[in-house]
Amino acid sequence: MKDVLVIGGGVAGLVAARECAHLGLSVVVLETADEPGGAVAGHEVAGLRLDAGAESFAVRGNTVASFIADLGLTAEIIEPNPAGAWLHLPPHRPGGAPMSVPLPKAGVLGIPGSPLAEDVRRAIGWSGALRAYADRLMPVLKIGREQSLGELVGKRMGTKVLERLVNPVAGGVYATAAADLEVDVVAPGLNRALTTAGSLSGAVTALRTAAPAGSAVRGLNGGMHRLVAALVTDLDTYDVEIRTSTAATGLTPVDTEETGADGTATTTRTWAVRLAPTADADAAADAEPGTLEARQVILAVPAAAALALLAPLGAEFAALAALDWPEPAAVELATLVLDAPVLDAHPRGTGALVAEGTPGVTAKAITHVTAKWAWVAALTPPGRHIVRLSYGRAGAPVPTLGLSDAQLQQLAVQDAAAILGVDLADSQVAGFARTLWADGLSPATIGAPERIRRVREVVETTPGLDVTGGWLSGTGLASVIPDALAAGIRVRRAVLDL
């Protein structure tokens, strides 16, 4: 009998497990992959240890930096190259060539604070800029409070701002079109600032002014996967067992009645969790079928897996699975290590976001990793560059799923050349890797806050059960870590009856 069983070995599960283990509770973590880390894992490409998923964290609230400090990694926090990203866009006029321009600086999620600024005009043209400026002449009450970010931007600033600025940013950050994002989730305070300032651009300026100076993100020297390594080392110190290549296939509550010396009957609930090895468990000695018992269970897996485990627990849980959940967003990443001295000039800053419908490009974004992070550049010889391309847009199949590794590599080289504006060839590839993230469910979509509230309410009424993860807390470590800490605190209090 364990005190706590954590199902899911991503950052949320590891953080929650650590919070419990530090008070002396016995903890086991189950992870379906062959190593923990989830979306913050690392991988080897051309002899380099690189991030396979998240490469940075948001600085808001200082929550991630504080947690990193607790792991002794404060000295390793670094800032990215301030050069910033670009946009790769369709031509202004039919028949023209695609264009690349720097992402306008003074904006929020691509919404410009100064519609007539030169960097905005370069992206959306004079006609788009004048339409966006009309926002300042439009009474707030004419539009009112909007739930959809896309509808708000389209009504107040027009389609060019939406399609050429906001949608590329929304797709890059949330893997979702702006029309499906809830304003109050992705841009807290924007609706209120709109009412106060009288225009959307004024509201953006107000939010930007109130934001702290400096970069909005940070990274770790050596990669964000070092956070996972530090967590695993810390958990090992506290004798936390991490079982990789092991899936939880079912949860069963076990209620035991006991009668005390005074004749009072009490009921104690524990959980029986059915286990099964996953397909990659051949070399994993700890991947054994069977059942594990625990006093408390924390679900820290993606939405589909969590809802599937919860649904058999009763009608209320089955109703949760039947809610109007959107299809999970899927994204495939292609990492290229290139011998390309032409990229020494960093032609597109730290990378570029690609607007939907841009001819000649399948990728939705590219990160010039060597240009963005000094630690990566320090590991590579002159002329060698690492770029990472992202494929897959909301509401459409990932276009690379049917491609072989050789075909995806060739497509990635072609897309990188088109976006970066240089000549590249397959012969320049020194390393290649592909990573599929197929189970992302953004908690920022329309209706998500209400769905999440219902999940938390039902789980809170179930003794011995808790749930955490990005599909509930929000996108990024700045949301995931505080939520996982809170789950760990609730569970340890329940075990220790504090």
Protein backbone atom coordinates (compact mmCIF):
# COMPACT_ATOMS: atom_id res chain seq x y z
CA MET A 1 0.00 0.00 0.00
CA LYS A 2 1.49 3.32 -1.11
CA ASP A 3 0.51 6.71 0.24
CA VAL A 4 0.29 8.37 -3.17
CA LEU A 5 0.18 7.08 -6.73
CA VAL A 6 0.77 9.69 -9.43
CA ILE A 7 -0.43 8.67 -12.89
CA GLY A 8 1.61 10.65 -15.41
CA GLY A 9 5.32 11.46 -15.35
CA GLY A 10 5.30 14.80 -17.11
CA VAL A 11 6.27 17.95 -15.23
CA ALA A 12 2.83 18.18 -13.55
CA GLY A 13 3.11 14.65 -12.19
CA LEU A 14 6.73 15.04 -11.09
CA VAL A 15 6.01 18.33 -9.31
CA ALA A 16 2.98 16.91 -7.49
CA ALA A 17 4.97 13.80 -6.52
CA ARG A 18 7.79 15.94 -5.14
CA GLU A 19 5.38 17.98 -3.04
CA CYS A 20 4.12 14.78 -1.42
CA ALA A 21 7.48 13.03 -1.07
CA HIS A 22 9.08 15.96 0.73
CA LEU A 23 6.77 15.29 3.68
CA GLY A 24 7.84 11.68 3.90
CA LEU A 25 4.96 10.06 2.00
CA SER A 26 5.63 6.95 -0.07
CA VAL A 27 5.07 7.86 -3.73
CA VAL A 28 5.04 5.96 -7.02
CA VAL A 29 4.88 7.68 -10.42
CA LEU A 30 3.60 5.87 -13.51
CA GLU A 31 4.68 7.03 -16.96
CA THR A 32 3.65 5.46 -20.28
CA ALA A 33 6.76 6.65 -22.17
CA ASP A 34 10.20 5.14 -21.72
CA GLU A 35 11.39 8.21 -19.83
CA PRO A 36 9.68 10.92 -17.78
CA GLY A 37 9.30 14.55 -18.77
CA GLY A 38 6.39 14.67 -21.17
CA ALA A 39 6.39 17.91 -23.15
CA VAL A 40 9.60 19.05 -21.42
CA ALA A 41 11.67 16.02 -22.37
CA GLY A 42 14.95 16.12 -24.24
CA HIS A 43 16.38 14.12 -27.15
CA GLU A 44 19.67 13.49 -28.92
CA VAL A 45 20.19 14.98 -32.37
CA ALA A 46 23.57 14.81 -34.11
CA GLY A 47 25.27 14.22 -30.77
CA LEU A 48 23.59 17.19 -29.07
CA ARG A 49 21.15 17.01 -26.18
CA LEU A 50 18.32 19.35 -27.20
CA ASP A 51 14.78 20.12 -26.06
CA ALA A 52 12.23 17.84 -27.69
CA GLY A 53 9.33 20.00 -26.48
CA ALA A 54 9.12 23.18 -24.41
CA GLU A 55 12.25 25.32 -24.67
CA SER A 56 11.29 28.22 -22.37
CA PHE A 57 8.98 29.34 -19.58
CA ALA A 58 6.88 32.47 -19.05
CA VAL A 59 8.20 34.81 -16.36
CA ARG A 60 4.76 35.99 -15.22
CA GLY A 61 4.18 35.64 -11.51
CA ASN A 62 7.78 34.47 -10.95
CA THR A 63 6.35 31.02 -10.15
CA VAL A 64 8.64 28.99 -12.40
CA ALA A 65 11.78 30.90 -11.39
CA SER A 66 10.94 30.31 -7.71
CA PHE A 67 10.48 26.61 -8.31
CA ILE A 68 13.72 26.42 -10.28
CA ALA A 69 15.47 28.18 -7.40
CA ASP A 70 14.18 25.49 -5.04
CA LEU A 71 15.91 22.94 -7.28
CA GLY A 72 19.17 24.89 -7.15
CA LEU A 73 19.14 25.98 -10.79
CA THR A 74 18.77 29.75 -10.43
CA ALA A 75 22.23 30.41 -11.84
CA GLU A 76 21.25 28.50 -14.99
CA ILE A 77 18.31 30.77 -15.94
CA ILE A 78 19.03 32.63 -19.17
CA GLU A 79 17.28 35.06 -21.52
CA PRO A 80 16.75 34.46 -25.24
CA ASN A 81 18.19 36.61 -27.97
CA PRO A 82 16.10 39.84 -27.89
CA ALA A 83 16.08 40.03 -31.71
CA GLY A 84 12.60 38.51 -31.68
CA ALA A 85 10.64 36.55 -34.26
CA TRP A 86 9.39 37.35 -37.76
CA LEU A 87 6.21 36.67 -39.72
CA HIS A 88 6.10 34.79 -43.03
CA LEU A 89 2.99 36.00 -44.84
CA PRO A 90 1.03 35.69 -48.08
CA PRO A 91 1.61 38.51 -50.58
CA HIS A 92 -0.42 41.69 -50.20
CA ARG A 93 -1.69 41.28 -53.77
CA PRO A 94 -2.63 38.13 -55.72
CA GLY A 95 0.23 36.81 -57.81
CA GLY A 96 2.92 38.31 -55.62
CA ALA A 97 5.60 36.49 -53.67
CA PRO A 98 5.31 35.57 -49.99
CA MET A 99 6.87 38.13 -47.69
CA SER A 100 8.74 38.06 -44.38
CA VAL A 101 8.64 40.92 -41.88
CA PRO A 102 9.58 41.31 -38.20
CA LEU A 103 6.73 40.61 -35.79
CA PRO A 104 5.48 44.04 -34.61
CA LYS A 105 6.84 44.79 -31.16
CA ALA A 106 4.13 46.76 -29.36
CA GLY A 107 1.37 44.15 -29.30
CA VAL A 108 -0.44 41.53 -27.25
CA LEU A 109 -0.96 38.16 -28.98
CA GLY A 110 -0.29 39.97 -32.24
CA ILE A 111 -2.90 42.71 -31.61
CA PRO A 112 -1.12 46.00 -32.38
CA GLY A 113 -1.05 48.83 -29.88
CA SER A 114 -0.10 51.29 -32.63
CA PRO A 115 -1.95 50.32 -35.83
CA LEU A 116 -0.18 52.89 -37.99
CA ALA A 117 3.35 52.02 -36.82
CA GLU A 118 5.76 51.13 -39.60
CA ASP A 119 6.29 47.52 -38.48
CA VAL A 120 2.51 47.00 -38.43
CA ARG A 121 2.03 48.57 -41.86
CA ARG A 122 4.72 46.33 -43.34
CA ALA A 123 2.75 43.29 -42.21
CA ILE A 124 -0.82 44.31 -43.05
CA GLY A 125 -0.41 47.13 -45.57
CA TRP A 126 -1.86 50.63 -45.49
CA SER A 127 -5.41 49.45 -46.03
CA GLY A 128 -5.16 47.00 -43.14
CA ALA A 129 -3.54 49.61 -40.92
CA LEU A 130 -6.24 52.20 -41.63
CA ARG A 131 -8.95 49.62 -40.94
CA ALA A 132 -7.23 48.73 -37.68
CA TYR A 133 -6.96 52.42 -36.75
CA ALA A 134 -10.75 52.71 -37.14
CA ASP A 135 -10.91 50.79 -33.86
CA ARG A 136 -10.03 54.07 -32.14
CA LEU A 137 -13.09 55.74 -33.63
CA MET A 138 -15.50 52.91 -32.82
CA PRO A 139 -17.60 53.19 -29.65
CA VAL A 140 -16.96 50.37 -27.20
CA LEU A 141 -20.69 49.73 -26.73
CA LYS A 142 -21.04 49.04 -30.44
CA ILE A 143 -19.10 45.81 -29.95
CA GLY A 144 -19.54 45.10 -26.27
CA ARG A 145 -17.83 42.33 -24.34
CA GLU A 146 -16.60 39.50 -26.58
CA GLN A 147 -15.83 35.93 -25.57
CA SER A 148 -13.91 34.98 -28.71
CA LEU A 149 -10.54 36.60 -29.29
CA GLY A 150 -10.90 36.18 -33.04
CA GLU A 151 -14.33 37.81 -33.13
CA LEU A 152 -13.14 40.70 -30.97
CA VAL A 153 -10.12 41.39 -33.18
CA GLY A 154 -12.05 40.94 -36.42
CA LYS A 155 -14.86 43.30 -35.43
CA ARG A 156 -12.64 46.03 -34.06
CA MET A 157 -9.55 45.84 -36.30
CA GLY A 158 -10.51 43.86 -39.38
CA THR A 159 -9.51 40.63 -41.09
CA LYS A 160 -5.94 41.60 -42.00
CA VAL A 161 -4.95 42.08 -38.36
CA LEU A 162 -6.69 38.83 -37.52
CA GLU A 163 -5.26 36.71 -40.33
CA ARG A 164 -1.78 38.21 -40.69
CA LEU A 165 -0.93 39.06 -37.08
CA VAL A 166 -3.16 37.43 -34.47
CA ASN A 167 -3.84 33.99 -35.97
CA PRO A 168 -0.14 33.20 -36.55
CA VAL A 169 0.65 34.10 -32.92
CA ALA A 170 -2.38 32.21 -31.56
CA GLY A 171 -1.44 29.14 -33.56
CA GLY A 172 2.14 29.31 -32.36
CA VAL A 173 1.27 29.72 -28.68
CA TYR A 174 -1.96 27.75 -28.34
CA ALA A 175 -2.06 25.59 -31.50
CA THR A 176 -5.57 27.00 -31.95
CA ALA A 177 -7.15 29.65 -34.16
CA ALA A 178 -7.93 32.95 -32.46
CA ALA A 179 -11.65 32.46 -33.11
CA ASP A 180 -11.63 29.51 -30.69
CA LEU A 181 -9.75 31.26 -27.87
CA GLU A 182 -11.51 32.78 -24.89
CA VAL A 183 -10.43 36.40 -24.40
CA ASP A 184 -10.48 36.37 -20.61
CA VAL A 185 -8.25 33.28 -20.52
CA VAL A 186 -5.56 34.19 -23.06
CA ALA A 187 -5.53 37.93 -22.38
CA PRO A 188 -6.74 38.55 -18.81
CA GLY A 189 -7.78 42.15 -18.31
CA LEU A 190 -8.12 42.94 -22.02
CA ASN A 191 -11.92 43.28 -21.96
CA ARG A 192 -11.75 45.48 -18.88
CA ALA A 193 -8.98 47.62 -20.39
CA LEU A 194 -11.01 47.95 -23.59
CA THR A 195 -13.88 49.44 -21.62
CA THR A 196 -11.54 51.85 -19.84
CA ALA A 197 -9.39 52.87 -22.81
CA GLY A 198 -12.24 53.00 -25.33
CA SER A 199 -10.39 51.07 -28.03
CA LEU A 200 -8.70 47.72 -28.52
CA SER A 201 -5.37 49.30 -29.43
CA GLY A 202 -5.62 51.49 -26.34
CA ALA A 203 -6.32 48.43 -24.22
CA VAL A 204 -3.26 46.68 -25.66
CA THR A 205 -1.11 49.72 -24.91
CA ALA A 206 -2.40 49.79 -21.34
CA LEU A 207 -1.61 46.11 -20.80
CA ARG A 208 1.85 46.53 -22.30
CA THR A 209 2.56 49.52 -20.09
CA ALA A 210 1.54 47.60 -16.98
CA ALA A 211 3.66 44.56 -17.91
CA PRO A 212 7.13 44.23 -16.35
CA ALA A 213 10.08 45.25 -18.50
CA GLY A 214 12.29 42.66 -20.14
CA SER A 215 11.72 39.42 -21.99
CA ALA A 216 8.44 37.59 -21.33
CA VAL A 217 10.23 34.23 -21.34
CA ARG A 218 13.38 32.66 -19.97
CA GLY A 219 15.15 29.36 -20.52
CA LEU A 220 17.71 27.14 -18.83
CA ASN A 221 21.34 26.92 -19.83
CA GLY A 222 21.54 23.49 -21.42
CA GLY A 223 17.81 23.29 -22.17
CA MET A 224 14.51 23.08 -20.31
CA HIS A 225 14.88 19.29 -20.14
CA ARG A 226 17.35 19.96 -17.32
CA LEU A 227 14.33 20.83 -15.17
CA VAL A 228 13.08 17.25 -15.61
CA ALA A 229 16.52 15.82 -14.82
CA ALA A 230 16.69 17.89 -11.63
CA LEU A 231 13.21 16.77 -10.60
CA VAL A 232 14.04 13.11 -11.17
CA THR A 233 17.25 13.43 -9.13
CA ASP A 234 15.37 15.11 -6.32
CA LEU A 235 12.63 12.46 -6.34
CA ASP A 236 15.25 9.72 -6.23
CA THR A 237 16.66 11.33 -3.07
CA TYR A 238 13.25 10.91 -1.45
CA ASP A 239 12.88 7.30 -2.66
CA VAL A 240 10.12 8.05 -5.14
CA GLU A 241 9.71 5.17 -7.57
CA ILE A 242 9.20 6.16 -11.22
CA ARG A 243 7.85 3.30 -13.33
CA THR A 244 8.31 4.07 -17.01
CA SER A 245 6.69 2.23 -19.93
CA THR A 246 3.74 1.52 -17.64
CA ALA A 247 0.14 2.57 -18.19
CA ALA A 248 -2.74 2.79 -15.73
CA THR A 249 -5.68 1.02 -17.34
CA GLY A 250 -8.29 1.42 -14.62
CA LEU A 251 -9.12 2.88 -11.20
CA THR A 252 -11.23 1.15 -8.58
CA PRO A 253 -12.16 2.68 -5.21
CA VAL A 254 -11.94 0.22 -2.33
CA ASP A 255 -13.97 1.14 0.77
CA THR A 256 -13.17 -0.73 3.99
CA GLU A 257 -15.36 -0.48 7.07
CA GLU A 258 -13.78 -0.76 10.49
CA THR A 259 -15.38 -0.77 13.91
CA GLY A 260 -13.54 0.93 16.73
CA ALA A 261 -13.39 -0.14 20.38
CA ASP A 262 -16.30 2.16 21.15
CA GLY A 263 -18.42 0.52 18.47
CA THR A 264 -18.15 3.45 16.04
CA ALA A 265 -17.94 2.38 12.40
CA THR A 266 -15.62 4.25 10.02
CA THR A 267 -15.06 3.83 6.30
CA THR A 268 -11.58 4.10 4.79
CA ARG A 269 -11.15 4.52 1.04
CA THR A 270 -8.12 3.37 -0.89
CA TRP A 271 -7.58 2.88 -4.61
CA ALA A 272 -6.65 -0.12 -6.70
CA VAL A 273 -4.98 0.86 -9.95
CA ARG A 274 -4.64 -1.68 -12.75
CA LEU A 275 -1.31 -1.55 -14.57
CA ALA A 276 -0.15 -2.72 -17.98
CA PRO A 277 3.20 -2.41 -19.79
CA THR A 278 3.18 -0.19 -22.88
CA ALA A 279 4.47 -1.09 -26.32
CA ASP A 280 7.96 0.26 -25.62
CA ALA A 281 8.36 -1.75 -22.40
CA ASP A 282 10.66 -4.47 -23.77
CA ALA A 283 13.73 -3.12 -22.03
CA ALA A 284 11.92 -1.76 -18.98
CA ALA A 285 12.30 -4.16 -16.08
CA ASP A 286 9.83 -2.17 -13.99
CA ALA A 287 7.01 -2.39 -16.54
CA GLU A 288 4.99 -5.19 -15.00
CA PRO A 289 1.24 -5.89 -15.25
CA GLY A 290 -0.78 -6.10 -12.09
CA THR A 291 -2.43 -3.86 -9.53
CA LEU A 292 -1.03 -1.19 -7.26
CA GLU A 293 -2.85 0.06 -4.18
CA ALA A 294 -2.62 3.59 -2.81
CA ARG A 295 -4.38 5.83 -0.34
CA GLN A 296 -4.41 8.75 -2.77
CA VAL A 297 -4.29 9.01 -6.57
CA ILE A 298 -3.26 12.05 -8.58
CA LEU A 299 -4.13 12.04 -12.28
CA ALA A 300 -1.53 14.04 -14.18
CA VAL A 301 -2.12 12.78 -17.71
CA PRO A 302 -3.56 14.50 -20.82
CA ALA A 303 -7.30 15.09 -21.08
CA ALA A 304 -8.28 12.03 -23.11
CA ALA A 305 -6.42 9.61 -20.81
CA ALA A 306 -7.72 11.31 -17.66
CA LEU A 307 -11.34 11.33 -18.80
CA ALA A 308 -11.10 7.68 -19.88
CA LEU A 309 -9.88 6.67 -16.41
CA LEU A 310 -12.55 8.78 -14.69
CA ALA A 311 -15.58 7.81 -16.79
CA PRO A 312 -16.15 4.33 -15.24
CA LEU A 313 -16.24 5.77 -11.71
CA GLY A 314 -19.89 6.77 -11.93
CA ALA A 315 -22.54 8.79 -13.74
CA GLU A 316 -21.06 12.17 -12.78
CA PHE A 317 -17.68 11.16 -14.20
CA ALA A 318 -19.22 9.72 -17.35
CA ALA A 319 -21.00 13.05 -17.82
CA LEU A 320 -17.64 14.82 -17.71
CA ALA A 321 -16.34 12.70 -20.57
CA ALA A 322 -19.50 13.51 -22.53
CA LEU A 323 -18.99 17.29 -22.36
CA ASP A 324 -18.36 19.21 -25.56
CA TRP A 325 -14.59 18.77 -25.53
CA PRO A 326 -12.80 19.96 -28.69
CA GLU A 327 -10.54 17.63 -30.61
CA PRO A 328 -7.02 17.62 -29.10
CA ALA A 329 -4.52 19.62 -31.10
CA ALA A 330 -1.70 17.63 -32.68
CA VAL A 331 1.66 19.10 -33.62
CA GLU A 332 4.72 17.44 -35.12
CA LEU A 333 8.15 18.99 -34.71
CA ALA A 334 11.01 18.48 -37.15
CA THR A 335 14.49 19.33 -35.86
CA LEU A 336 17.27 19.92 -38.38
CA VAL A 337 20.99 20.27 -37.69
CA LEU A 338 22.35 22.07 -40.74
CA ASP A 339 25.82 22.93 -41.98
CA ALA A 340 24.74 26.26 -43.43
CA PRO A 341 27.08 29.26 -42.92
CA VAL A 342 24.49 31.39 -44.76
CA LEU A 343 22.43 31.27 -41.54
CA ASP A 344 25.18 32.97 -39.53
CA ALA A 345 23.41 36.27 -40.34
CA HIS A 346 20.24 35.12 -38.53
CA PRO A 347 18.03 36.23 -41.45
CA ARG A 348 14.75 35.85 -39.54
CA GLY A 349 15.82 36.73 -36.02
CA THR A 350 14.99 33.88 -33.65
CA GLY A 351 12.48 32.31 -36.02
CA ALA A 352 9.20 32.99 -37.76
CA LEU A 353 5.47 32.34 -37.53
CA VAL A 354 3.73 31.42 -40.77
CA ALA A 355 0.25 32.72 -41.61
CA GLU A 356 -2.20 30.13 -42.87
CA GLY A 357 -2.47 30.15 -46.64
CA THR A 358 1.09 31.34 -47.26
CA PRO A 359 2.05 29.69 -50.57
CA GLY A 360 5.01 27.35 -50.78
CA VAL A 361 5.20 26.48 -47.06
CA THR A 362 3.61 23.64 -45.09
CA ALA A 363 5.10 24.44 -41.65
CA LYS A 364 3.28 26.83 -39.33
CA ALA A 365 6.41 28.06 -37.55
CA ILE A 366 10.17 27.77 -37.36
CA THR A 367 12.53 28.41 -34.46
CA HIS A 368 16.14 29.24 -35.27
CA VAL A 369 17.39 27.55 -32.12
CA THR A 370 21.04 28.52 -32.59
CA ALA A 371 20.06 32.16 -32.99
CA LYS A 372 17.65 32.14 -30.05
CA TRP A 373 19.78 30.47 -27.36
CA ALA A 374 23.43 31.28 -26.74
CA TRP A 375 24.04 27.92 -25.06
CA VAL A 376 23.10 26.09 -28.26
CA ALA A 377 25.33 28.31 -30.38
CA ALA A 378 28.21 27.61 -27.99
CA LEU A 379 27.85 23.86 -28.61
CA THR A 380 28.02 24.09 -32.38
CA PRO A 381 30.99 24.90 -34.64
CA PRO A 382 30.88 27.96 -36.94
CA GLY A 383 28.40 27.53 -39.75
CA ARG A 384 26.37 24.80 -38.02
CA HIS A 385 22.79 25.72 -37.17
CA ILE A 386 19.81 24.08 -35.52
CA VAL A 387 16.28 24.91 -36.64
CA ARG A 388 13.00 23.40 -35.50
CA LEU A 389 9.86 23.46 -37.62
CA SER A 390 6.32 22.95 -36.37
CA TYR A 391 3.54 21.27 -38.36
CA GLY A 392 -0.18 21.03 -37.65
CA ARG A 393 -2.97 23.57 -37.34
CA ALA A 394 -6.15 23.38 -35.30
CA GLY A 395 -9.08 21.73 -37.05
CA ALA A 396 -6.97 19.97 -39.66
CA PRO A 397 -4.96 16.74 -39.78
CA VAL A 398 -1.23 17.08 -39.20
CA PRO A 399 0.10 17.16 -42.77
CA THR A 400 3.28 15.24 -41.95
CA LEU A 401 1.83 12.13 -40.31
CA GLY A 402 1.93 10.01 -43.46
CA LEU A 403 5.48 11.01 -44.39
CA SER A 404 8.53 8.84 -43.89
CA ASP A 405 11.49 10.28 -42.01
CA ALA A 406 13.26 10.97 -45.30
CA GLN A 407 10.21 12.71 -46.73
CA LEU A 408 9.68 14.84 -43.63
CA GLN A 409 13.35 15.81 -43.59
CA GLN A 410 13.15 16.89 -47.22
CA LEU A 411 9.97 18.90 -46.57
CA ALA A 412 11.53 20.54 -43.51
CA VAL A 413 14.60 21.60 -45.52
CA GLN A 414 12.39 23.08 -48.24
CA ASP A 415 10.22 24.93 -45.72
CA ALA A 416 13.23 26.22 -43.79
CA ALA A 417 14.73 27.59 -46.99
CA ALA A 418 11.48 29.30 -47.98
CA ILE A 419 10.83 30.85 -44.57
CA LEU A 420 14.42 31.88 -43.87
CA GLY A 421 14.95 33.20 -47.39
CA VAL A 422 18.13 31.24 -48.12
CA ASP A 423 19.18 28.29 -50.28
CA LEU A 424 19.37 25.00 -48.37
CA ALA A 425 19.90 21.43 -49.59
CA ASP A 426 19.40 17.96 -48.12
CA SER A 427 23.17 17.44 -48.34
CA GLN A 428 23.61 20.08 -45.62
CA VAL A 429 21.65 18.07 -43.03
CA ALA A 430 23.93 16.73 -40.28
CA GLY A 431 21.11 15.56 -38.03
CA PHE A 432 17.34 15.14 -38.02
CA ALA A 433 14.65 14.18 -35.51
CA ARG A 434 10.86 14.20 -35.44
CA THR A 435 8.64 14.53 -32.36
CA LEU A 436 4.85 14.15 -32.34
CA TRP A 437 2.70 15.78 -29.66
CA ALA A 438 -0.76 14.39 -30.37
CA ASP A 439 -2.78 14.97 -27.22
CA GLY A 440 -2.76 18.71 -26.56
CA LEU A 441 -6.07 20.14 -25.34
CA SER A 442 -5.96 23.87 -24.81
CA PRO A 443 -7.76 25.15 -21.70
CA ALA A 444 -8.09 28.50 -23.47
CA THR A 445 -10.77 27.50 -25.98
CA ILE A 446 -14.33 28.77 -25.86
CA GLY A 447 -16.24 27.07 -23.06
CA ALA A 448 -13.13 25.54 -21.50
CA PRO A 449 -13.35 27.40 -18.16
CA GLU A 450 -16.83 25.97 -17.51
CA ARG A 451 -15.76 22.44 -18.50
CA ILE A 452 -12.72 22.68 -16.27
CA ARG A 453 -14.82 23.97 -13.37
CA ARG A 454 -17.13 20.95 -13.65
CA VAL A 455 -14.19 18.52 -13.71
CA ARG A 456 -12.67 20.04 -10.60
CA GLU A 457 -16.01 20.10 -8.75
CA VAL A 458 -16.68 16.41 -9.35
CA VAL A 459 -13.14 15.36 -8.46
CA GLU A 460 -13.15 17.47 -5.29
CA THR A 461 -16.09 15.48 -3.96
CA THR A 462 -14.30 12.15 -4.48
CA PRO A 463 -12.13 11.10 -1.51
CA GLY A 464 -8.58 10.14 -2.35
CA LEU A 465 -8.61 11.52 -5.88
CA ASP A 466 -7.05 14.64 -7.41
CA VAL A 467 -6.28 15.83 -10.92
CA THR A 468 -3.81 18.27 -12.45
CA GLY A 469 -2.16 18.99 -15.81
CA GLY A 470 -1.98 21.56 -18.56
CA TRP A 471 -5.44 20.73 -19.94
CA LEU A 472 -6.87 22.10 -16.67
CA SER A 473 -4.32 24.64 -15.48
CA GLY A 474 -3.36 26.44 -18.67
CA THR A 475 -0.62 26.38 -21.27
CA GLY A 476 3.01 26.50 -20.17
CA LEU A 477 5.03 25.84 -17.05
CA ALA A 478 3.91 29.10 -15.43
CA SER A 479 0.42 27.59 -15.24
CA VAL A 480 1.27 23.90 -14.85
CA ILE A 481 3.68 24.12 -11.92
CA PRO A 482 1.45 26.13 -9.52
CA ASP A 483 -1.51 23.85 -10.26
CA ALA A 484 0.57 20.72 -9.64
CA LEU A 485 1.92 22.18 -6.39
CA ALA A 486 -1.63 22.86 -5.23
CA ALA A 487 -2.66 19.28 -6.05
CA GLY A 488 0.29 17.92 -4.12
CA ILE A 489 -0.56 20.07 -1.10
CA ARG A 490 -4.19 18.90 -1.11
CA VAL A 491 -3.19 15.26 -1.30
CA ARG A 492 -0.53 15.37 1.39
CA ARG A 493 -2.97 17.13 3.72
CA ALA A 494 -5.52 14.40 3.07
CA VAL A 495 -2.98 11.68 3.85
CA LEU A 496 -1.62 13.35 6.95
CA ASP A 497 -5.07 14.60 7.98
CA LEU A 498 -3.72 18.10 8.59
